[in-house]
Amino acid sequence: MKRCEPDSKNKLERKTVEKNRRIRMKALSFKLVSIIPDRHFSQPKEFLSQQDQIDEAAAYIKILTERIEELNRRKTQLINHGATTNYIARTSSKPPILTVRELGYGVEVVLISGLNKNFLLSQVISVIEQEAAEVLTINVSRVGDSIIHTLHAQVKICRVGVDISRISDRIHEIISSNLQNFFFKGN
């Protein structure tokens, strides 16, 4: 009788271990299926068996693996052909950010651009002066890979004032035309 007890105890332990393993596997498969986008499944997840869900997840992983390999091949080609410098220069040249504020009888223009700015500061000054304001100070500072241009101008005729939106629109036109020239030249 003592002999039977260890066997039944071992059997019970094996059943418990197997049950815990199944619970763990079910939780892991649920977690796997939950991170797969719904659009990848051929039909709603709820209508698929657990095996079909795992098969769909495996197919999705295979697609992602192929995509990674393709991107690595393209990266290698770019490096080998020396195109990375041009590509990096184009992507790092972020379009300038413009802020124009009215400060009583003055105007503040702040332009934040990449290191290879895509506009001429003289054009911006010209626009401000054509809109009846006189540029008093210009501050230029570099922060990381950005250059910050701050222009302070004073209204020439206080009764007339300045049209902030017109200044902003005209400077945006300068920036966008210079950006188009920059990208069409292939810089």
Protein backbone atom coordinates (compact mmCIF):
# COMPACT_ATOMS: atom_id res chain seq x y z
CA MET A 1 0.00 0.00 0.00
CA LYS A 2 2.84 2.37 0.71
CA ARG A 3 4.07 1.56 -2.76
CA CYS A 4 0.91 2.89 -4.42
CA GLU A 5 0.99 6.20 -2.64
CA PRO A 6 4.20 7.47 -4.29
CA ASP A 7 2.89 6.44 -7.73
CA SER A 8 -0.40 8.25 -7.25
CA LYS A 9 1.46 11.23 -5.84
CA ASN A 10 3.77 11.33 -8.89
CA LYS A 11 0.78 10.97 -11.20
CA LEU A 12 -0.97 13.87 -9.47
CA GLU A 13 2.18 16.03 -9.73
CA ARG A 14 2.50 15.25 -13.44
CA LYS A 15 -1.14 16.18 -14.02
CA THR A 16 -0.63 19.45 -12.16
CA VAL A 17 2.55 20.23 -14.09
CA GLU A 18 0.78 19.46 -17.40
CA LYS A 19 -2.23 21.59 -16.44
CA ASN A 20 0.04 24.51 -15.54
CA ARG A 21 1.92 24.08 -18.82
CA ARG A 22 -1.35 24.20 -20.82
CA ILE A 23 -2.50 27.29 -18.93
CA ARG A 24 0.86 28.99 -19.60
CA MET A 25 0.76 28.04 -23.31
CA LYS A 26 -2.80 29.34 -23.64
CA ALA A 27 -1.81 32.65 -22.05
CA LEU A 28 1.24 32.95 -24.31
CA SER A 29 -0.75 32.19 -27.45
CA PHE A 30 -3.39 34.75 -26.41
CA LYS A 31 -0.62 37.32 -25.90
CA LEU A 32 0.88 36.49 -29.31
CA VAL A 33 -2.45 36.85 -31.10
CA SER A 34 -3.27 40.09 -29.28
CA ILE A 35 -0.20 41.89 -30.70
CA ILE A 36 -1.03 40.96 -34.32
CA PRO A 37 -2.99 43.77 -36.06
CA ASP A 38 -6.64 42.87 -36.70
CA ARG A 39 -6.32 43.81 -40.38
CA HIS A 40 -3.89 40.92 -40.89
CA PHE A 41 -6.44 38.25 -39.98
CA SER A 42 -8.55 36.82 -42.80
CA GLN A 43 -11.60 36.86 -40.52
CA PRO A 44 -12.28 38.09 -36.96
CA LYS A 45 -10.05 36.48 -34.35
CA GLU A 46 -13.06 35.26 -32.37
CA PHE A 47 -14.14 32.99 -35.25
CA LEU A 48 -10.73 31.35 -35.66
CA SER A 49 -9.56 28.35 -33.73
CA GLN A 50 -6.49 28.71 -31.57
CA GLN A 51 -4.44 26.79 -34.14
CA ASP A 52 -5.65 29.07 -36.96
CA GLN A 53 -4.79 32.13 -34.88
CA ILE A 54 -1.28 30.82 -34.30
CA ASP A 55 -0.93 30.04 -38.03
CA GLU A 56 -2.00 33.60 -38.90
CA ALA A 57 0.48 34.97 -36.36
CA ALA A 58 3.26 32.84 -37.87
CA ALA A 59 2.38 34.14 -41.35
CA TYR A 60 2.48 37.72 -40.06
CA ILE A 61 5.88 37.13 -38.44
CA LYS A 62 7.14 35.73 -41.74
CA ILE A 63 5.93 38.87 -43.57
CA LEU A 64 7.68 41.10 -41.03
CA THR A 65 10.89 39.06 -41.33
CA GLU A 66 10.85 39.43 -45.12
CA ARG A 67 10.23 43.17 -44.77
CA ILE A 68 13.19 43.51 -42.39
CA GLU A 69 15.41 41.61 -44.82
CA GLU A 70 14.29 43.85 -47.70
CA LEU A 71 14.95 47.00 -45.67
CA ASN A 72 18.40 45.70 -44.72
CA ARG A 73 19.14 45.01 -48.40
CA ARG A 74 18.07 48.55 -49.34
CA LYS A 75 20.18 49.97 -46.52
CA THR A 76 23.21 48.03 -47.75
CA GLN A 77 22.63 49.26 -51.30
CA LEU A 78 22.45 52.86 -50.14
CA ILE A 79 25.64 52.50 -48.15
CA ASN A 80 27.43 50.81 -51.04
CA HIS A 81 26.36 53.43 -53.56
CA GLY A 82 27.33 56.33 -51.33
CA ALA A 83 23.81 57.72 -51.44
CA THR A 84 23.46 57.87 -47.71
CA THR A 85 25.08 61.28 -47.44
CA ASN A 86 22.59 62.81 -49.89
CA TYR A 87 19.71 60.97 -48.23
CA ILE A 88 20.74 62.10 -44.74
CA ALA A 89 21.22 65.67 -45.95
CA ARG A 90 17.72 65.70 -47.45
CA THR A 91 16.00 64.17 -44.45
CA SER A 92 17.88 66.24 -41.90
CA SER A 93 16.93 69.48 -43.64
CA LYS A 94 13.69 69.93 -41.81
CA PRO A 95 11.40 72.68 -43.03
CA PRO A 96 11.72 75.88 -41.03
CA ILE A 97 9.20 76.66 -38.29
CA LEU A 98 7.91 80.22 -38.40
CA THR A 99 6.31 82.24 -35.61
CA VAL A 100 5.28 85.86 -36.08
CA ARG A 101 3.95 87.79 -33.06
CA GLU A 102 2.84 91.35 -32.56
CA LEU A 103 4.37 92.99 -29.51
CA GLY A 104 2.58 96.30 -29.05
CA TYR A 105 4.19 98.53 -31.68
CA GLY A 106 6.70 95.86 -32.54
CA VAL A 107 6.92 92.55 -34.32
CA GLU A 108 8.86 89.43 -33.37
CA VAL A 109 9.70 86.88 -36.06
CA VAL A 110 11.18 83.56 -34.95
CA LEU A 111 12.46 81.11 -37.55
CA ILE A 112 13.74 77.70 -36.52
CA SER A 113 15.50 75.77 -39.26
CA GLY A 114 17.97 72.95 -39.82
CA LEU A 115 21.69 73.58 -40.12
CA ASN A 116 21.39 74.00 -43.87
CA LYS A 117 18.71 76.70 -43.73
CA ASN A 118 16.48 76.89 -46.77
CA PHE A 119 15.94 80.63 -46.93
CA LEU A 120 17.91 83.84 -47.10
CA LEU A 121 17.73 86.04 -44.04
CA SER A 122 17.96 89.11 -46.27
CA GLN A 123 14.70 88.08 -47.96
CA VAL A 124 12.97 87.80 -44.59
CA ILE A 125 14.28 91.24 -43.55
CA SER A 126 13.12 92.67 -46.87
CA VAL A 127 9.58 91.32 -46.32
CA ILE A 128 9.42 92.83 -42.83
CA GLU A 129 10.60 96.22 -44.08
CA GLN A 130 8.18 96.17 -47.03
CA GLU A 131 5.36 95.65 -44.54
CA ALA A 132 6.12 98.98 -42.78
CA ALA A 133 8.38 97.74 -39.99
CA GLU A 134 12.03 98.41 -39.28
CA VAL A 135 14.25 95.53 -38.13
CA LEU A 136 16.02 96.56 -34.94
CA THR A 137 17.78 93.38 -33.79
CA ILE A 138 18.61 89.96 -35.17
CA ASN A 139 19.72 87.11 -32.92
CA VAL A 140 20.99 83.85 -34.36
CA SER A 141 21.73 80.88 -32.14
CA ARG A 142 22.38 77.21 -32.67
CA VAL A 143 20.71 74.54 -30.55
CA GLY A 144 21.67 70.98 -31.48
CA ASP A 145 20.97 70.58 -35.19
CA SER A 146 18.72 73.65 -35.38
CA ILE A 147 19.36 77.33 -35.93
CA ILE A 148 17.05 79.84 -34.28
CA HIS A 149 16.70 83.25 -35.95
CA THR A 150 14.92 85.87 -33.85
CA LEU A 151 14.15 89.20 -35.49
CA HIS A 152 12.70 92.16 -33.61
CA ALA A 153 11.17 94.96 -35.63
CA GLN A 154 9.38 98.19 -34.79
CA VAL A 155 6.41 99.59 -36.66
CA LYS A 156 7.44 102.64 -38.71
CA ILE A 157 4.04 104.37 -38.57
CA CYS A 158 2.15 103.63 -35.36
CA ARG A 159 -1.27 104.62 -36.76
CA VAL A 160 -0.96 102.19 -39.66
CA GLY A 161 0.55 99.22 -37.82
CA VAL A 162 1.53 95.98 -39.52
CA ASP A 163 -0.41 93.01 -40.81
CA ILE A 164 1.09 90.01 -38.98
CA SER A 165 -0.71 87.45 -41.15
CA ARG A 166 0.59 89.08 -44.35
CA ILE A 167 4.17 89.00 -43.05
CA SER A 168 3.73 85.36 -42.06
CA ASP A 169 2.24 84.41 -45.46
CA ARG A 170 4.99 86.16 -47.41
CA ILE A 171 7.78 84.54 -45.37
CA HIS A 172 6.10 81.14 -45.79
CA GLU A 173 6.12 81.73 -49.56
CA ILE A 174 9.85 82.47 -49.48
CA ILE A 175 10.54 79.34 -47.44
CA SER A 176 8.41 77.05 -49.60
CA SER A 177 9.88 78.37 -52.88
CA ASN A 178 13.40 77.90 -51.51
CA LEU A 179 12.53 74.39 -50.30
CA GLN A 180 11.23 73.46 -53.75
CA ASN A 181 14.43 74.76 -55.35
CA PHE A 182 16.48 72.83 -52.81
CA PHE A 183 14.80 69.49 -53.54
CA PHE A 184 14.55 69.92 -57.31
CA LYS A 185 18.25 70.66 -57.56
CA GLY A 186 18.91 67.32 -55.84
CA ASN A 187 20.93 68.70 -52.95
